[in-house]
PDB file of all heavy atoms in Angstrom:
ATOM      1  N   THR A   1     -68.202 -69.379 145.665  1.00  0.00           N
ATOM      2  CA  THR A   1     -67.460 -68.196 145.231  1.00  0.00           C
ATOM      3  C   THR A   1     -66.767 -67.516 146.405  1.00  0.00           C
ATOM      4  O   THR A   1     -65.581 -67.183 146.332  1.00  0.00           O
ATOM      5  CB  THR A   1     -68.402 -67.204 144.520  1.00  0.00           C
ATOM      6  OG1 THR A   1     -68.964 -67.852 143.379  1.00  0.00           O
ATOM      7  CG2 THR A   1     -67.673 -65.952 144.088  1.00  0.00           C
ATOM      8  N   LEU A   2     -67.499 -67.328 147.504  1.00  0.00           N
ATOM      9  CA  LEU A   2     -66.911 -66.671 148.675  1.00  0.00           C
ATOM     10  C   LEU A   2     -65.789 -67.505 149.286  1.00  0.00           C
ATOM     11  O   LEU A   2     -64.717 -66.983 149.596  1.00  0.00           O
ATOM     12  CB  LEU A   2     -67.986 -66.384 149.719  1.00  0.00           C
ATOM     13  CG  LEU A   2     -68.961 -65.270 149.371  1.00  0.00           C
ATOM     14  CD1 LEU A   2     -70.100 -65.228 150.391  1.00  0.00           C
ATOM     15  CD2 LEU A   2     -68.256 -63.935 149.307  1.00  0.00           C
ATOM     16  N   ALA A   3     -66.031 -68.797 149.461  1.00  0.00           N
ATOM     17  CA  ALA A   3     -65.014 -69.652 150.083  1.00  0.00           C
ATOM     18  C   ALA A   3     -63.744 -69.702 149.242  1.00  0.00           C
ATOM     19  O   ALA A   3     -62.634 -69.569 149.758  1.00  0.00           O
ATOM     20  CB  ALA A   3     -65.564 -71.051 150.311  1.00  0.00           C
ATOM     21  N   LEU A   4     -63.906 -69.871 147.934  1.00  0.00           N
ATOM     22  CA  LEU A   4     -62.730 -70.001 147.068  1.00  0.00           C
ATOM     23  C   LEU A   4     -62.037 -68.674 146.793  1.00  0.00           C
ATOM     24  O   LEU A   4     -60.919 -68.666 146.274  1.00  0.00           O
ATOM     25  CB  LEU A   4     -63.125 -70.699 145.767  1.00  0.00           C
ATOM     26  CG  LEU A   4     -63.545 -72.159 145.946  1.00  0.00           C
ATOM     27  CD1 LEU A   4     -64.106 -72.723 144.650  1.00  0.00           C
ATOM     28  CD2 LEU A   4     -62.398 -73.004 146.480  1.00  0.00           C
ATOM     29  N   SER A   5     -62.665 -67.569 147.163  1.00  0.00           N
ATOM     30  CA  SER A   5     -62.017 -66.264 146.998  1.00  0.00           C
ATOM     31  C   SER A   5     -61.007 -65.982 148.112  1.00  0.00           C
ATOM     32  O   SER A   5     -60.170 -65.091 147.982  1.00  0.00           O
ATOM     33  CB  SER A   5     -63.055 -65.140 146.948  1.00  0.00           C
ATOM     34  OG  SER A   5     -63.618 -64.923 148.233  1.00  0.00           O
ATOM     35  N   LEU A   6     -61.069 -66.759 149.183  1.00  0.00           N
ATOM     36  CA  LEU A   6     -60.114 -66.594 150.273  1.00  0.00           C
ATOM     37  C   LEU A   6     -58.753 -67.140 149.852  1.00  0.00           C
ATOM     38  O   LEU A   6     -58.671 -68.159 149.160  1.00  0.00           O
ATOM     39  CB  LEU A   6     -60.605 -67.316 151.524  1.00  0.00           C
ATOM     40  CG  LEU A   6     -61.951 -66.842 152.065  1.00  0.00           C
ATOM     41  CD1 LEU A   6     -62.439 -67.778 153.155  1.00  0.00           C
ATOM     42  CD2 LEU A   6     -61.844 -65.415 152.574  1.00  0.00           C
ATOM     43  N   GLU A   7     -57.714 -66.478 150.275  1.00  0.00           N
ATOM     44  CA  GLU A   7     -56.361 -66.848 149.867  1.00  0.00           C
ATOM     45  C   GLU A   7     -56.011 -68.282 150.278  1.00  0.00           C
ATOM     46  O   GLU A   7     -56.193 -68.669 151.435  1.00  0.00           O
ATOM     47  CB  GLU A   7     -55.355 -65.887 150.494  1.00  0.00           C
ATOM     48  CG  GLU A   7     -53.937 -66.120 150.042  1.00  0.00           C
ATOM     49  CD  GLU A   7     -52.973 -65.105 150.619  1.00  0.00           C
ATOM     50  OE1 GLU A   7     -53.410 -64.016 151.016  1.00  0.00           O
ATOM     51  OE2 GLU A   7     -51.777 -65.426 150.660  1.00  0.00           O
ATOM     52  N   GLY A   8     -55.545 -69.057 149.323  1.00  0.00           N
ATOM     53  CA  GLY A   8     -55.048 -70.391 149.581  1.00  0.00           C
ATOM     54  C   GLY A   8     -56.104 -71.458 149.809  1.00  0.00           C
ATOM     55  O   GLY A   8     -55.773 -72.578 150.182  1.00  0.00           O
ATOM     56  N   VAL A   9     -57.370 -71.147 149.592  1.00  0.00           N
ATOM     57  CA  VAL A   9     -58.439 -72.120 149.829  1.00  0.00           C
ATOM     58  C   VAL A   9     -58.625 -73.018 148.607  1.00  0.00           C
ATOM     59  O   VAL A   9     -58.621 -72.543 147.473  1.00  0.00           O
ATOM     60  CB  VAL A   9     -59.762 -71.414 150.190  1.00  0.00           C
ATOM     61  CG1 VAL A   9     -60.929 -72.392 150.221  1.00  0.00           C
ATOM     62  CG2 VAL A   9     -59.627 -70.719 151.532  1.00  0.00           C
ATOM     63  N   THR A  10     -58.777 -74.302 148.881  1.00  0.00           N
ATOM     64  CA  THR A  10     -59.089 -75.278 147.843  1.00  0.00           C
ATOM     65  C   THR A  10     -60.341 -76.042 148.265  1.00  0.00           C
ATOM     66  O   THR A  10     -60.750 -75.987 149.428  1.00  0.00           O
ATOM     67  CB  THR A  10     -57.933 -76.277 147.635  1.00  0.00           C
ATOM     68  OG1 THR A  10     -57.677 -76.954 148.866  1.00  0.00           O
ATOM     69  CG2 THR A  10     -56.678 -75.571 147.158  1.00  0.00           C
ATOM     70  N   SER A  11     -60.927 -76.754 147.316  1.00  0.00           N
ATOM     71  CA  SER A  11     -62.090 -77.572 147.640  1.00  0.00           C
ATOM     72  C   SER A  11     -61.803 -79.008 147.231  1.00  0.00           C
ATOM     73  O   SER A  11     -60.990 -79.267 146.334  1.00  0.00           O
ATOM     74  CB  SER A  11     -63.338 -77.055 146.942  1.00  0.00           C
ATOM     75  OG  SER A  11     -63.213 -77.143 145.551  1.00  0.00           O
ATOM     76  N   TYR A  12     -62.469 -79.941 147.892  1.00  0.00           N
ATOM     77  CA  TYR A  12     -62.298 -81.355 147.579  1.00  0.00           C
ATOM     78  C   TYR A  12     -63.539 -82.111 148.037  1.00  0.00           C
ATOM     79  O   TYR A  12     -64.246 -81.655 148.941  1.00  0.00           O
ATOM     80  CB  TYR A  12     -61.034 -81.918 148.245  1.00  0.00           C
ATOM     81  CG  TYR A  12     -61.082 -81.930 149.750  1.00  0.00           C
ATOM     82  CD1 TYR A  12     -61.466 -83.073 150.446  1.00  0.00           C
ATOM     83  CD2 TYR A  12     -60.754 -80.805 150.482  1.00  0.00           C
ATOM     84  CE1 TYR A  12     -61.518 -83.095 151.820  1.00  0.00           C
ATOM     85  CE2 TYR A  12     -60.815 -80.805 151.863  1.00  0.00           C
ATOM     86  CZ  TYR A  12     -61.189 -81.960 152.533  1.00  0.00           C
ATOM     87  OH  TYR A  12     -61.253 -81.964 153.904  1.00  0.00           O
ATOM     88  N   PRO A  13     -63.842 -83.256 147.428  1.00  0.00           N
ATOM     89  CA  PRO A  13     -64.989 -84.061 147.852  1.00  0.00           C
ATOM     90  C   PRO A  13     -64.741 -84.608 149.261  1.00  0.00           C
ATOM     91  O   PRO A  13     -63.628 -85.019 149.593  1.00  0.00           O
ATOM     92  CB  PRO A  13     -65.041 -85.207 146.852  1.00  0.00           C
ATOM     93  CG  PRO A  13     -64.138 -84.831 145.745  1.00  0.00           C
ATOM     94  CD  PRO A  13     -63.164 -83.831 146.269  1.00  0.00           C
ATOM     95  N   HIS A  14     -65.791 -84.604 150.063  1.00  0.00           N
ATOM     96  CA  HIS A  14     -65.703 -85.098 151.443  1.00  0.00           C
ATOM     97  C   HIS A  14     -67.016 -85.800 151.771  1.00  0.00           C
ATOM     98  O   HIS A  14     -68.007 -85.150 152.102  1.00  0.00           O
ATOM     99  CB  HIS A  14     -65.452 -83.932 152.393  1.00  0.00           C
ATOM    100  CG  HIS A  14     -65.299 -84.320 153.821  1.00  0.00           C
ATOM    101  ND1 HIS A  14     -64.225 -85.040 154.281  1.00  0.00           N
ATOM    102  CD2 HIS A  14     -66.095 -84.091 154.891  1.00  0.00           C
ATOM    103  CE1 HIS A  14     -64.355 -85.222 155.582  1.00  0.00           C
ATOM    104  NE2 HIS A  14     -65.494 -84.663 155.981  1.00  0.00           N
ATOM    105  N   PHE A  15     -67.051 -87.112 151.614  1.00  0.00           N
ATOM    106  CA  PHE A  15     -68.265 -87.918 151.770  1.00  0.00           C
ATOM    107  C   PHE A  15     -69.338 -87.371 150.831  1.00  0.00           C
ATOM    108  O   PHE A  15     -69.103 -87.271 149.640  1.00  0.00           O
ATOM    109  CB  PHE A  15     -68.719 -87.977 153.230  1.00  0.00           C
ATOM    110  CG  PHE A  15     -67.680 -88.588 154.128  1.00  0.00           C
ATOM    111  CD1 PHE A  15     -66.847 -87.796 154.899  1.00  0.00           C
ATOM    112  CD2 PHE A  15     -67.524 -89.963 154.182  1.00  0.00           C
ATOM    113  CE1 PHE A  15     -65.871 -88.361 155.714  1.00  0.00           C
ATOM    114  CE2 PHE A  15     -66.555 -90.540 154.998  1.00  0.00           C
ATOM    115  CZ  PHE A  15     -65.732 -89.733 155.765  1.00  0.00           C
ATOM    116  N   ASP A  16     -70.488 -86.965 151.350  1.00  0.00           N
ATOM    117  CA  ASP A  16     -71.570 -86.448 150.506  1.00  0.00           C
ATOM    118  C   ASP A  16     -71.562 -84.919 150.480  1.00  0.00           C
ATOM    119  O   ASP A  16     -72.581 -84.281 150.279  1.00  0.00           O
ATOM    120  CB  ASP A  16     -72.924 -86.960 151.009  1.00  0.00           C
ATOM    121  CG  ASP A  16     -73.232 -86.500 152.423  1.00  0.00           C
ATOM    122  OD1 ASP A  16     -72.283 -86.131 153.164  1.00  0.00           O
ATOM    123  OD2 ASP A  16     -74.408 -86.495 152.801  1.00  0.00           O
ATOM    124  N   ARG A  17     -70.393 -84.337 150.661  1.00  0.00           N
ATOM    125  CA  ARG A  17     -70.266 -82.881 150.754  1.00  0.00           C
ATOM    126  C   ARG A  17     -69.055 -82.407 149.958  1.00  0.00           C
ATOM    127  O   ARG A  17     -68.220 -83.208 149.549  1.00  0.00           O
ATOM    128  CB  ARG A  17     -70.127 -82.464 152.224  1.00  0.00           C
ATOM    129  CG  ARG A  17     -71.271 -83.002 153.100  1.00  0.00           C
ATOM    130  CD  ARG A  17     -71.143 -82.598 154.533  1.00  0.00           C
ATOM    131  NE  ARG A  17     -71.480 -81.201 154.736  1.00  0.00           N
ATOM    132  CZ  ARG A  17     -72.715 -80.719 154.803  1.00  0.00           C
ATOM    133  NH1 ARG A  17     -73.754 -81.522 154.661  1.00  0.00           N
ATOM    134  NH2 ARG A  17     -72.932 -79.443 155.001  1.00  0.00           N
ATOM    135  N   LEU A  18     -68.960 -81.113 149.777  1.00  0.00           N
ATOM    136  CA  LEU A  18     -67.783 -80.477 149.198  1.00  0.00           C
ATOM    137  C   LEU A  18     -67.111 -79.719 150.335  1.00  0.00           C
ATOM    138  O   LEU A  18     -67.751 -78.903 151.006  1.00  0.00           O
ATOM    139  CB  LEU A  18     -68.193 -79.505 148.084  1.00  0.00           C
ATOM    140  CG  LEU A  18     -67.057 -78.746 147.413  1.00  0.00           C
ATOM    141  CD1 LEU A  18     -66.151 -79.721 146.647  1.00  0.00           C
ATOM    142  CD2 LEU A  18     -67.614 -77.699 146.470  1.00  0.00           C
ATOM    143  N   ALA A  19     -65.843 -80.014 150.592  1.00  0.00           N
ATOM    144  CA  ALA A  19     -65.127 -79.382 151.697  1.00  0.00           C
ATOM    145  C   ALA A  19     -64.248 -78.256 151.175  1.00  0.00           C
ATOM    146  O   ALA A  19     -63.727 -78.318 150.058  1.00  0.00           O
ATOM    147  CB  ALA A  19     -64.281 -80.414 152.427  1.00  0.00           C
ATOM    148  N   PHE A  20     -64.080 -77.238 152.007  1.00  0.00           N
ATOM    149  CA  PHE A  20     -63.198 -76.112 151.725  1.00  0.00           C
ATOM    150  C   PHE A  20     -62.125 -76.102 152.800  1.00  0.00           C
ATOM    151  O   PHE A  20     -62.419 -76.213 153.986  1.00  0.00           O
ATOM    152  CB  PHE A  20     -63.982 -74.794 151.756  1.00  0.00           C
ATOM    153  CG  PHE A  20     -65.096 -74.757 150.754  1.00  0.00           C
ATOM    154  CD1 PHE A  20     -66.391 -75.060 151.123  1.00  0.00           C
ATOM    155  CD2 PHE A  20     -64.845 -74.454 149.421  1.00  0.00           C
ATOM    156  CE1 PHE A  20     -67.425 -75.048 150.206  1.00  0.00           C
ATOM    157  CE2 PHE A  20     -65.867 -74.442 148.494  1.00  0.00           C
ATOM    158  CZ  PHE A  20     -67.156 -74.734 148.883  1.00  0.00           C
ATOM    159  N   ARG A  21     -60.872 -75.969 152.345  1.00  0.00           N
ATOM    160  CA  ARG A  21     -59.785 -76.015 153.318  1.00  0.00           C
ATOM    161  C   ARG A  21     -58.665 -75.060 152.961  1.00  0.00           C
ATOM    162  O   ARG A  21     -58.460 -74.717 151.799  1.00  0.00           O
ATOM    163  CB  ARG A  21     -59.266 -77.427 153.501  1.00  0.00           C
ATOM    164  CG  ARG A  21     -58.381 -77.972 152.427  1.00  0.00           C
ATOM    165  CD  ARG A  21     -57.739 -79.316 152.813  1.00  0.00           C
ATOM    166  NE  ARG A  21     -56.613 -79.124 153.686  1.00  0.00           N
ATOM    167  CZ  ARG A  21     -56.470 -79.691 154.888  1.00  0.00           C
ATOM    168  NH1 ARG A  21     -57.376 -80.486 155.370  1.00  0.00           N
ATOM    169  NH2 ARG A  21     -55.399 -79.462 155.609  1.00  0.00           N
ATOM    170  N   THR A  22     -57.959 -74.652 153.997  1.00  0.00           N
ATOM    171  CA  THR A  22     -56.708 -73.938 153.831  1.00  0.00           C
ATOM    172  C   THR A  22     -55.614 -74.993 153.858  1.00  0.00           C
ATOM    173  O   THR A  22     -55.889 -76.189 153.962  1.00  0.00           O
ATOM    174  CB  THR A  22     -56.496 -72.937 154.985  1.00  0.00           C
ATOM    175  OG1 THR A  22     -56.389 -73.670 156.206  1.00  0.00           O
ATOM    176  CG2 THR A  22     -57.627 -71.923 155.071  1.00  0.00           C
ATOM    177  N   GLU A  23     -54.397 -74.567 153.824  1.00  0.00           N
ATOM    178  CA  GLU A  23     -53.289 -75.516 153.897  1.00  0.00           C
ATOM    179  C   GLU A  23     -53.345 -76.324 155.190  1.00  0.00           C
ATOM    180  O   GLU A  23     -52.984 -77.492 155.229  1.00  0.00           O
ATOM    181  CB  GLU A  23     -51.964 -74.760 153.821  1.00  0.00           C
ATOM    182  CG  GLU A  23     -50.753 -75.647 153.827  1.00  0.00           C
ATOM    183  CD  GLU A  23     -49.470 -74.859 153.711  1.00  0.00           C
ATOM    184  OE1 GLU A  23     -49.401 -73.953 152.870  1.00  0.00           O
ATOM    185  OE2 GLU A  23     -48.535 -75.169 154.475  1.00  0.00           O
ATOM    186  N   ARG A  24     -53.849 -75.714 156.251  1.00  0.00           N
ATOM    187  CA  ARG A  24     -53.814 -76.348 157.566  1.00  0.00           C
ATOM    188  C   ARG A  24     -55.064 -77.126 157.950  1.00  0.00           C
ATOM    189  O   ARG A  24     -54.975 -78.084 158.694  1.00  0.00           O
ATOM    190  CB  ARG A  24     -53.548 -75.290 158.625  1.00  0.00           C
ATOM    191  CG  ARG A  24     -52.167 -74.663 158.452  1.00  0.00           C
ATOM    192  CD  ARG A  24     -51.841 -73.734 159.528  1.00  0.00           C
ATOM    193  NE  ARG A  24     -51.910 -74.450 160.809  1.00  0.00           N
ATOM    194  CZ  ARG A  24     -51.663 -73.899 161.956  1.00  0.00           C
ATOM    195  NH1 ARG A  24     -51.349 -72.642 162.024  1.00  0.00           N
ATOM    196  NH2 ARG A  24     -51.739 -74.597 163.070  1.00  0.00           N
ATOM    197  N   ARG A  25     -56.263 -76.686 157.497  1.00  0.00           N
ATOM    198  CA  ARG A  25     -57.461 -77.377 157.974  1.00  0.00           C
ATOM    199  C   ARG A  25     -58.695 -77.088 157.138  1.00  0.00           C
ATOM    200  O   ARG A  25     -58.765 -76.080 156.446  1.00  0.00           O
ATOM    201  CB  ARG A  25     -57.757 -77.018 159.411  1.00  0.00           C
ATOM    202  CG  ARG A  25     -58.209 -75.595 159.629  1.00  0.00           C
ATOM    203  CD  ARG A  25     -58.496 -75.322 161.069  1.00  0.00           C
ATOM    204  NE  ARG A  25     -57.353 -75.731 161.833  1.00  0.00           N
ATOM    205  CZ  ARG A  25     -57.088 -75.408 163.056  1.00  0.00           C
ATOM    206  NH1 ARG A  25     -57.906 -74.652 163.708  1.00  0.00           N
ATOM    207  NH2 ARG A  25     -56.029 -75.823 163.669  1.00  0.00           N
ATOM    208  N   THR A  26     -59.657 -77.983 157.263  1.00  0.00           N
ATOM    209  CA  THR A  26     -60.973 -77.789 156.662  1.00  0.00           C
ATOM    210  C   THR A  26     -61.755 -76.827 157.543  1.00  0.00           C
ATOM    211  O   THR A  26     -61.770 -76.983 158.761  1.00  0.00           O
ATOM    212  CB  THR A  26     -61.703 -79.144 156.555  1.00  0.00           C
ATOM    213  OG1 THR A  26     -60.952 -79.992 155.685  1.00  0.00           O
ATOM    214  CG2 THR A  26     -63.116 -78.971 156.021  1.00  0.00           C
ATOM    215  N   PHE A  27     -62.395 -75.840 156.915  1.00  0.00           N
ATOM    216  CA  PHE A  27     -63.160 -74.877 157.700  1.00  0.00           C
ATOM    217  C   PHE A  27     -64.644 -74.872 157.363  1.00  0.00           C
ATOM    218  O   PHE A  27     -65.438 -74.266 158.086  1.00  0.00           O
ATOM    219  CB  PHE A  27     -62.580 -73.463 157.567  1.00  0.00           C
ATOM    220  CG  PHE A  27     -62.673 -72.884 156.182  1.00  0.00           C
ATOM    221  CD1 PHE A  27     -63.788 -72.167 155.778  1.00  0.00           C
ATOM    222  CD2 PHE A  27     -61.636 -73.053 155.282  1.00  0.00           C
ATOM    223  CE1 PHE A  27     -63.875 -71.630 154.508  1.00  0.00           C
ATOM    224  CE2 PHE A  27     -61.707 -72.517 154.014  1.00  0.00           C
ATOM    225  CZ  PHE A  27     -62.831 -71.811 153.627  1.00  0.00           C
ATOM    226  N   ALA A  28     -65.040 -75.559 156.295  1.00  0.00           N
ATOM    227  CA  ALA A  28     -66.461 -75.609 155.937  1.00  0.00           C
ATOM    228  C   ALA A  28     -66.718 -76.778 155.000  1.00  0.00           C
ATOM    229  O   ALA A  28     -65.826 -77.198 154.257  1.00  0.00           O
ATOM    230  CB  ALA A  28     -66.890 -74.311 155.262  1.00  0.00           C
TER     231      ALA A  28
END
């Protein structure tokens, strides 16, 4: 909820994890 509440953040599968990224980079 917190990660996706940030402007422009999307999530996507990343190996055995869920990644959160802005347009420019993954941050978590």
